[in-house]
Structure formats: structure tokens, C-alpha cells
Amino acid sequence: MVNSNTQQKQIEQAIAQLKRAIERDERTQNIEGKAERLHQLAILKANQGEVDDAIALYKRCQQAYQEIDDREGIATVLYQMAVLKTNQGKTPEAIALFEESLRLAGGIDDKETQAVVLHSLAMVKASQGQVEDAIVLCNQSISLKEQLGDLPGKATTLHQMGILQANQGKIEAAIDLFEQSLQLKEAVKDLPGKAETLHCLAVIYHQIGQIQSSINLYLESLAIKEIINDLEGQAATLHQLGELYSQCGSVEEAISYYEKSLQLKDETKDIESKATTMGMLGQLLANQGNYKLAIPYLQETLTIFEQIKSPHVETVKEVLAEIQGRNHR
């Protein structure tokens, strides 16, 4: 198994090789080769988290593609820059780049790029509160993915549309979209995607009060996450099961699920989520009169929330004070 130091060294060597090749391409005026290698270098830099360097390289790559009139290449690079701008929170710039990429891809009938751009643009629009526009874009993306026979891509967009409809309170529409997505993910054997969609369906059934259906879906999602060794996903689903059993009054089961979730969160180093689970577990234990275990959990929750400046600090303080008061009676 390659360790992180070896992997980093290999990446640095690849970057050095690409830079030498680009210099050679510039000397020999190999514009096509230069564009290709600038593109590869930009991707490596983006994956390294060096976003500004990556964007600068993408711009050089765009210029090279323009010199050889490679409009498909330009559309792809514009899309990749838009994704980086989105991650930087520069939404207006990202939207402009997505739209230009979409225009170029449409002009050369590049359906694959159009489908990807439409999906990403929809997510940005949704984050800006333009949900109806986002749904229209998602439907356009799905239509193209159907023409391309891109079942995994269609499943992903259906899933995202399900989330959008659920957030709009359109529960029946959301369930239908999630179930369509689930069928496709089963067909293409996308286990991580299937687990994610099952989890989302479980959340919806919980919201509408169909508790047993929700539990069954969570358990199905959990089983898949165990198969694919998704520790973070398992921890999240175990937490939700703890919450469900707590609401049903099945306290022992709830405590067991919270404890299992906590064990996995220790491994994933997700401190905020860990603090939330400890807080829920602490309250349950306190309600059973087990203050010896409950109070340390709540104290650690408070410490983490104070460190990360959580908006829930005062709530935890109040709960902890009330439980400590009960303990001293």
C-alpha cells in the first residue's frame, strides 16, 4: 500500500515532468501538446488544493485551446474553472463560466459536457435559492443523459432533484425521484450511491411519521455502508437510528446505536458530529439516572462546541447545568 509521503513524492515528480514537457512544447511550438499538459497540471494542482495556481493554469490552457480552435477543450476548461470558483464561494464568476461553457458545448453539440454543466449549474442556482430554475436545469441534464445512455449520471441528478423537492416540502415528488434514482443505482451496481439514496429516503419517511419504514431504510443503507467500509456514512446512519429509537421510547436501543456511532466518529475525527452524538447520548443517559456517564459526555460536547464556536453552546450549557442540578439533589 502506498503511504502518503510516497504518494506526495510521486505527485511532485509528475508536476516536475509536466513542467519540463510544457517548456519543451513551447520551444517546439507544439500547442496541442502544451494545452494537454497544462490541463493535466491544472488538475493536479487543483487536487493538491492549490486553487489559484490551478485557475491560472486553466487560463493558460484555455488560451492554448483557443489557438488551435479546440472548442470542446475550452468548454471543459471553463467548466473546471467554474467548479473551482464555486468552491471558493465566487458564485457570480462561477455562473458566468458555467454559462459560457454551456454555450460553447451547445454550439458543437457536445451533449456530455452540456449534461455535466447543467447539473453543476443547477446546484449553484439551488444554493442561491433559485430552486425552480435549478429543477429546470436538472431536467435538461437528465434529458441529455438519457440520450447518452448515462445511467449513473441520470441517477445522480434524480437524487439531487429529490433533495430539492424535499427541501421545497414536495414530499411525494421527492420520494418518486429518490425511488427512480435508487432503481438506476441498483441497475448499475452503484453501492455508495444506493446507500446515500436509501439514507435520504429514510430521512423523508421519518419526517412524515412512517417510523418503521424509516428504520428499515436506514438499516438497509447501513448494511451497504458496512460492505463498502464507509465509516463516516455508517456513523451518520447509526446516529439517525439512535434518534429514531429515542423518539420511539426504545432507550436501550437508542443508546446502543449512539455508542456505535460514537466509536466510528472517534475513527473519522469528525469532532463536530462526535460532539452532537455525545450530547444526545448524554441526555439519554441522564434521563435514565446515569449521571456518572452522562455528565462527562455533555462536558466534552460543550468543550468541542466552544472550540468550534458552535451556535449550540448556550443550549448545551443549560442542559448540562440542569442535569448537574438533578445529580446534586
Protein backbone atom coordinates (compact mmCIF):
# COMPACT_ATOMS: atom_id res chain seq x y z
CA MET A 1 0.00 0.00 0.00
CA VAL A 2 1.42 3.43 -0.99
CA ASN A 3 1.90 5.70 2.02
CA SER A 4 1.09 9.42 1.92
CA ASN A 5 4.75 10.52 1.73
CA THR A 6 5.44 8.26 -1.24
CA GLN A 7 2.25 9.40 -2.96
CA GLN A 8 3.15 13.06 -2.43
CA LYS A 9 6.63 12.46 -3.84
CA GLN A 10 5.10 10.81 -6.91
CA ILE A 11 2.78 13.80 -7.43
CA GLU A 12 5.69 16.23 -7.13
CA GLN A 13 7.66 14.20 -9.69
CA ALA A 14 4.66 14.22 -12.07
CA ILE A 15 4.34 18.01 -11.70
CA ALA A 16 8.06 18.49 -12.43
CA GLN A 17 7.82 16.26 -15.51
CA LEU A 18 4.79 18.13 -16.82
CA LYS A 19 6.51 21.49 -16.36
CA ARG A 20 9.55 20.28 -18.33
CA ALA A 21 7.27 18.91 -21.06
CA ILE A 22 5.38 22.23 -21.27
CA GLU A 23 8.67 24.11 -21.68
CA ARG A 24 9.63 21.70 -24.45
CA ASP A 25 6.25 22.14 -26.13
CA GLU A 26 6.70 25.92 -26.04
CA ARG A 27 10.16 25.66 -27.65
CA THR A 28 8.86 23.37 -30.39
CA GLN A 29 5.56 25.28 -30.75
CA ASN A 30 3.59 22.11 -30.02
CA ILE A 31 0.43 23.94 -28.98
CA GLU A 32 -1.77 20.86 -28.82
CA GLY A 33 0.68 19.05 -26.54
CA LYS A 34 1.12 22.17 -24.42
CA ALA A 35 -2.65 22.51 -23.95
CA GLU A 36 -2.99 18.87 -22.94
CA ARG A 37 -0.17 19.07 -20.40
CA LEU A 38 -1.33 22.40 -18.97
CA HIS A 39 -4.71 20.75 -18.47
CA GLN A 40 -3.15 17.78 -16.65
CA LEU A 41 -1.04 20.10 -14.50
CA ALA A 42 -4.05 22.23 -13.58
CA ILE A 43 -5.95 19.13 -12.45
CA LEU A 44 -3.02 18.03 -10.27
CA LYS A 45 -2.72 21.47 -8.70
CA ALA A 46 -6.48 21.58 -8.02
CA ASN A 47 -6.32 18.16 -6.37
CA GLN A 48 -3.44 19.45 -4.21
CA GLY A 49 -5.64 22.32 -3.02
CA GLU A 50 -3.56 24.93 -4.87
CA VAL A 51 -6.65 26.52 -6.38
CA ASP A 52 -5.25 29.86 -7.53
CA ASP A 53 -2.37 28.12 -9.32
CA ALA A 54 -4.83 25.69 -10.88
CA ILE A 55 -7.04 28.51 -12.19
CA ALA A 56 -4.01 30.29 -13.66
CA LEU A 57 -3.01 27.08 -15.44
CA TYR A 58 -6.55 26.54 -16.71
CA LYS A 59 -6.48 30.06 -18.19
CA ARG A 60 -3.21 29.29 -19.99
CA CYS A 61 -4.75 26.05 -21.18
CA GLN A 62 -7.81 27.93 -22.43
CA GLN A 63 -5.57 30.26 -24.47
CA ALA A 64 -3.77 27.28 -26.00
CA TYR A 65 -7.06 25.60 -26.90
CA GLN A 66 -8.23 28.87 -28.48
CA GLU A 67 -5.10 28.95 -30.67
CA ILE A 68 -5.98 25.54 -32.13
CA ASP A 69 -9.75 26.21 -32.09
CA ASP A 70 -10.47 23.26 -29.76
CA ARG A 71 -13.90 24.37 -28.56
CA GLU A 72 -14.56 21.12 -26.73
CA GLY A 73 -11.36 21.66 -24.77
CA ILE A 74 -12.30 25.27 -23.99
CA ALA A 75 -15.76 24.24 -22.78
CA THR A 76 -14.24 21.60 -20.49
CA VAL A 77 -11.68 24.01 -19.04
CA LEU A 78 -14.31 26.69 -18.43
CA TYR A 79 -16.41 24.12 -16.59
CA GLN A 80 -13.48 23.07 -14.41
CA MET A 81 -12.66 26.69 -13.58
CA ALA A 82 -16.31 27.24 -12.69
CA VAL A 83 -16.21 24.34 -10.23
CA LEU A 84 -13.14 25.83 -8.53
CA LYS A 85 -14.76 29.28 -8.38
CA THR A 86 -17.85 27.68 -6.83
CA ASN A 87 -15.70 26.05 -4.15
CA GLN A 88 -14.10 29.44 -3.46
CA GLY A 89 -17.56 30.96 -2.94
CA LYS A 90 -17.19 33.20 -6.01
CA THR A 91 -20.65 32.38 -7.26
CA PRO A 92 -21.24 35.12 -9.89
CA GLU A 93 -17.90 34.28 -11.57
CA ALA A 94 -18.73 30.58 -11.42
CA ILE A 95 -22.15 31.07 -13.00
CA ALA A 96 -20.66 33.14 -15.83
CA LEU A 97 -18.10 30.41 -16.54
CA PHE A 98 -20.72 27.64 -16.40
CA GLU A 99 -22.94 29.55 -18.81
CA GLU A 100 -20.10 30.22 -21.25
CA SER A 101 -19.09 26.55 -21.11
CA LEU A 102 -22.69 25.56 -21.77
CA ARG A 103 -22.93 27.94 -24.74
CA LEU A 104 -19.76 26.55 -26.31
CA ALA A 105 -20.71 22.92 -25.69
CA GLY A 106 -24.13 23.54 -27.20
CA GLY A 107 -22.55 25.09 -30.29
CA ILE A 108 -20.63 21.90 -31.05
CA ASP A 109 -23.40 19.54 -29.86
CA ASP A 110 -21.20 18.23 -27.02
CA LYS A 111 -24.02 16.61 -25.05
CA GLU A 112 -21.75 15.07 -22.41
CA THR A 113 -20.29 18.42 -21.34
CA GLN A 114 -23.70 20.09 -21.53
CA ALA A 115 -25.20 17.45 -19.22
CA VAL A 116 -22.46 17.84 -16.62
CA VAL A 117 -22.54 21.64 -16.74
CA LEU A 118 -26.34 21.77 -16.46
CA HIS A 119 -26.19 19.59 -13.33
CA SER A 120 -23.49 21.71 -11.68
CA LEU A 121 -25.17 24.98 -12.64
CA ALA A 122 -28.42 23.67 -11.17
CA MET A 123 -26.71 23.02 -7.83
CA VAL A 124 -25.28 26.55 -7.78
CA LYS A 125 -28.67 28.06 -8.64
CA ALA A 126 -30.28 26.00 -5.87
CA SER A 127 -27.71 27.25 -3.36
CA GLN A 128 -28.76 30.78 -4.35
CA GLY A 129 -32.41 29.97 -3.62
CA GLN A 130 -33.36 29.72 -7.30
CA VAL A 131 -34.88 26.29 -6.86
CA GLU A 132 -37.35 26.35 -9.74
CA ASP A 133 -34.57 27.36 -12.14
CA ALA A 134 -32.42 24.57 -10.68
CA ILE A 135 -35.14 21.98 -11.29
CA VAL A 136 -35.49 23.09 -14.92
CA LEU A 137 -31.73 22.72 -15.40
CA CYS A 138 -31.77 19.29 -13.74
CA ASN A 139 -34.50 18.12 -16.11
CA GLN A 140 -32.46 19.35 -19.09
CA SER A 141 -29.43 17.47 -17.75
CA ILE A 142 -31.48 14.29 -17.30
CA SER A 143 -32.81 14.54 -20.86
CA LEU A 144 -29.27 14.70 -22.24
CA LYS A 145 -28.08 11.87 -20.00
CA GLU A 146 -30.93 9.72 -21.29
CA GLN A 147 -29.82 10.40 -24.88
CA LEU A 148 -26.26 9.46 -23.92
CA GLY A 149 -27.32 6.33 -22.03
CA ASP A 150 -25.58 7.74 -18.94
CA LEU A 151 -27.47 5.84 -16.24
CA PRO A 152 -25.10 6.71 -13.34
CA GLY A 153 -25.26 10.40 -14.27
CA LYS A 154 -29.05 10.31 -14.55
CA ALA A 155 -29.27 8.60 -11.15
CA THR A 156 -27.13 11.32 -9.57
CA THR A 157 -29.24 14.14 -10.98
CA LEU A 158 -32.50 12.43 -9.99
CA HIS A 159 -31.12 12.12 -6.45
CA GLN A 160 -30.25 15.83 -6.33
CA MET A 161 -33.70 16.73 -7.67
CA GLY A 162 -35.17 14.61 -4.88
CA ILE A 163 -33.29 16.72 -2.34
CA LEU A 164 -34.50 19.94 -3.98
CA GLN A 165 -38.13 18.78 -3.95
CA ALA A 166 -37.85 17.58 -0.33
CA ASN A 167 -36.48 20.97 0.70
CA GLN A 168 -39.48 22.56 -1.03
CA GLY A 169 -41.80 20.37 1.03
CA LYS A 170 -42.90 18.39 -2.04
CA ILE A 171 -42.59 15.03 -0.33
CA GLU A 172 -44.37 12.79 -2.84
CA ALA A 173 -42.33 14.21 -5.71
CA ALA A 174 -39.14 13.75 -3.70
CA ILE A 175 -39.92 10.12 -2.86
CA ASP A 176 -40.67 9.37 -6.52
CA LEU A 177 -37.36 10.92 -7.62
CA PHE A 178 -35.36 9.08 -4.97
CA GLU A 179 -37.00 5.79 -5.94
CA GLN A 180 -36.20 6.36 -9.62
CA SER A 181 -32.60 7.13 -8.65
CA LEU A 182 -32.48 4.02 -6.48
CA GLN A 183 -33.64 1.77 -9.32
CA LEU A 184 -30.91 3.10 -11.60
CA LYS A 185 -28.24 2.76 -8.93
CA GLU A 186 -29.28 -0.84 -8.37
CA ALA A 187 -29.08 -1.46 -12.13
CA VAL A 188 -25.53 -0.11 -12.39
CA LYS A 189 -24.47 -1.62 -9.02
CA ASP A 190 -23.60 1.77 -7.51
CA LEU A 191 -23.42 0.71 -3.86
CA PRO A 192 -22.25 4.04 -2.38
CA GLY A 193 -24.93 5.90 -4.33
CA LYS A 194 -27.59 3.38 -3.32
CA ALA A 195 -26.66 3.74 0.36
CA GLU A 196 -26.88 7.54 0.08
CA THR A 197 -30.31 7.47 -1.57
CA LEU A 198 -31.66 4.94 0.95
CA HIS A 199 -30.48 7.25 3.73
CA CYS A 200 -32.30 10.22 2.15
CA LEU A 201 -35.49 8.20 1.75
CA ALA A 202 -35.22 7.18 5.41
CA VAL A 203 -34.99 10.86 6.41
CA ILE A 204 -38.18 11.64 4.47
CA TYR A 205 -40.14 8.72 5.90
CA HIS A 206 -39.04 9.84 9.37
CA GLN A 207 -40.34 13.35 8.64
CA ILE A 208 -43.77 12.08 7.60
CA GLY A 209 -44.03 9.81 10.65
CA GLN A 210 -43.53 6.43 8.98
CA ILE A 211 -41.03 5.35 11.60
CA GLN A 212 -40.74 1.64 10.84
CA SER A 213 -40.24 2.31 7.12
CA SER A 214 -37.58 4.84 8.05
CA ILE A 215 -35.80 2.35 10.33
CA ASN A 216 -35.87 -0.33 7.63
CA LEU A 217 -34.36 2.04 5.07
CA TYR A 218 -31.65 3.19 7.49
CA LEU A 219 -30.77 -0.44 8.25
CA GLU A 220 -30.55 -1.24 4.54
CA SER A 221 -28.32 1.79 4.00
CA LEU A 222 -26.18 0.80 6.99
CA ALA A 223 -25.68 -2.74 5.67
CA ILE A 224 -24.32 -1.38 2.39
CA LYS A 225 -22.06 1.10 4.16
CA GLU A 226 -20.59 -1.76 6.17
CA ILE A 227 -19.90 -3.70 2.97
CA ILE A 228 -18.08 -0.75 1.35
CA ASN A 229 -16.38 0.23 4.62
CA ASP A 230 -17.87 3.75 4.65
CA LEU A 231 -17.10 4.63 8.28
CA GLU A 232 -18.37 8.20 8.09
CA GLY A 233 -21.59 7.07 6.45
CA GLN A 234 -22.10 4.30 9.00
CA ALA A 235 -21.61 6.78 11.85
CA ALA A 236 -24.23 9.14 10.37
CA THR A 237 -26.80 6.36 9.87
CA LEU A 238 -26.19 4.89 13.33
CA HIS A 239 -26.78 8.35 14.81
CA GLN A 240 -30.07 8.67 12.93
CA LEU A 241 -31.16 5.24 14.18
CA GLY A 242 -30.34 6.33 17.72
CA GLU A 243 -32.52 9.38 17.26
CA LEU A 244 -35.40 7.32 15.86
CA TYR A 245 -35.32 4.72 18.63
CA SER A 246 -35.12 7.51 21.20
CA GLN A 247 -38.27 9.10 19.80
CA CYS A 248 -39.99 5.70 19.92
CA GLY A 249 -39.10 5.35 23.59
CA SER A 250 -36.73 2.44 22.95
CA VAL A 251 -33.99 3.96 25.07
CA GLU A 252 -31.65 0.96 25.33
CA GLU A 253 -31.61 0.53 21.54
CA ALA A 254 -31.08 4.27 21.09
CA ILE A 255 -28.13 4.28 23.49
CA SER A 256 -26.61 1.29 21.70
CA TYR A 257 -26.82 2.99 18.29
CA TYR A 258 -25.42 6.27 19.64
CA GLU A 259 -22.50 4.40 21.24
CA LYS A 260 -21.72 2.58 17.97
CA SER A 261 -21.90 5.88 16.09
CA LEU A 262 -19.54 7.47 18.60
CA GLN A 263 -16.97 4.69 18.22
CA LEU A 264 -16.84 5.26 14.47
CA LYS A 265 -16.70 9.05 14.83
CA ASP A 266 -13.62 8.62 17.00
CA GLU A 267 -12.00 6.91 14.00
CA THR A 268 -13.14 9.51 11.43
CA LYS A 269 -12.04 12.52 13.52
CA ASP A 270 -15.33 14.32 12.82
CA ILE A 271 -15.34 16.33 16.06
CA GLU A 272 -18.47 18.40 15.47
CA SER A 273 -20.57 15.36 14.62
CA LYS A 274 -18.95 13.48 17.50
CA ALA A 275 -19.97 16.27 19.89
CA THR A 276 -23.57 16.13 18.65
CA THR A 277 -23.79 12.38 19.23
CA MET A 278 -22.20 12.71 22.68
CA GLY A 279 -24.76 15.37 23.56
CA MET A 280 -27.68 13.18 22.54
CA LEU A 281 -26.19 10.18 24.34
CA GLY A 282 -25.52 12.23 27.47
CA GLN A 283 -29.14 13.38 27.65
CA LEU A 284 -30.47 9.85 27.26
CA LEU A 285 -28.17 8.51 29.98
CA ALA A 286 -29.18 11.36 32.28
CA ASN A 287 -32.86 10.58 31.74
CA GLN A 288 -32.07 7.06 32.94
CA GLY A 289 -30.39 8.48 36.01
CA ASN A 290 -26.89 7.51 34.86
CA TYR A 291 -25.31 10.88 35.69
CA LYS A 292 -21.83 9.41 36.12
CA LEU A 293 -21.64 8.70 32.37
CA ALA A 294 -23.97 11.47 31.17
CA ILE A 295 -22.17 14.48 32.61
CA PRO A 296 -18.71 13.74 31.09
CA TYR A 297 -20.33 13.29 27.67
CA LEU A 298 -22.10 16.65 27.95
CA GLN A 299 -18.97 18.36 29.29
CA GLU A 300 -16.95 17.12 26.32
CA THR A 301 -19.75 18.22 23.98
CA LEU A 302 -19.59 21.70 25.49
CA THR A 303 -15.79 21.84 25.19
CA ILE A 304 -15.89 20.92 21.48
CA PHE A 305 -18.75 23.31 20.71
CA GLU A 306 -16.85 26.15 22.42
CA GLN A 307 -13.72 25.32 20.42
CA ILE A 308 -15.56 25.40 17.08
CA LYS A 309 -17.79 28.33 18.14
CA SER A 310 -20.98 26.34 17.61
CA PRO A 311 -24.29 28.24 17.87
CA HIS A 312 -25.47 25.49 20.27
CA VAL A 313 -23.07 26.38 23.11
CA GLU A 314 -25.67 28.10 25.28
CA THR A 315 -28.18 25.27 24.81
CA VAL A 316 -25.62 22.68 25.95
CA LYS A 317 -24.68 24.84 28.93
CA GLU A 318 -28.33 24.98 30.01
CA VAL A 319 -28.82 21.22 29.58
CA LEU A 320 -25.61 20.46 31.48
CA ALA A 321 -26.50 22.82 34.33
CA GLU A 322 -29.97 21.28 34.63
CA ILE A 323 -28.57 17.73 34.71
CA GLN A 324 -25.86 18.65 37.22
CA GLY A 325 -28.58 20.18 39.37
CA ARG A 326 -30.57 16.95 39.23
CA ASN A 327 -27.45 14.98 40.16
CA HIS A 328 -26.93 17.01 43.37
CA ARG A 329 -30.48 16.69 44.65
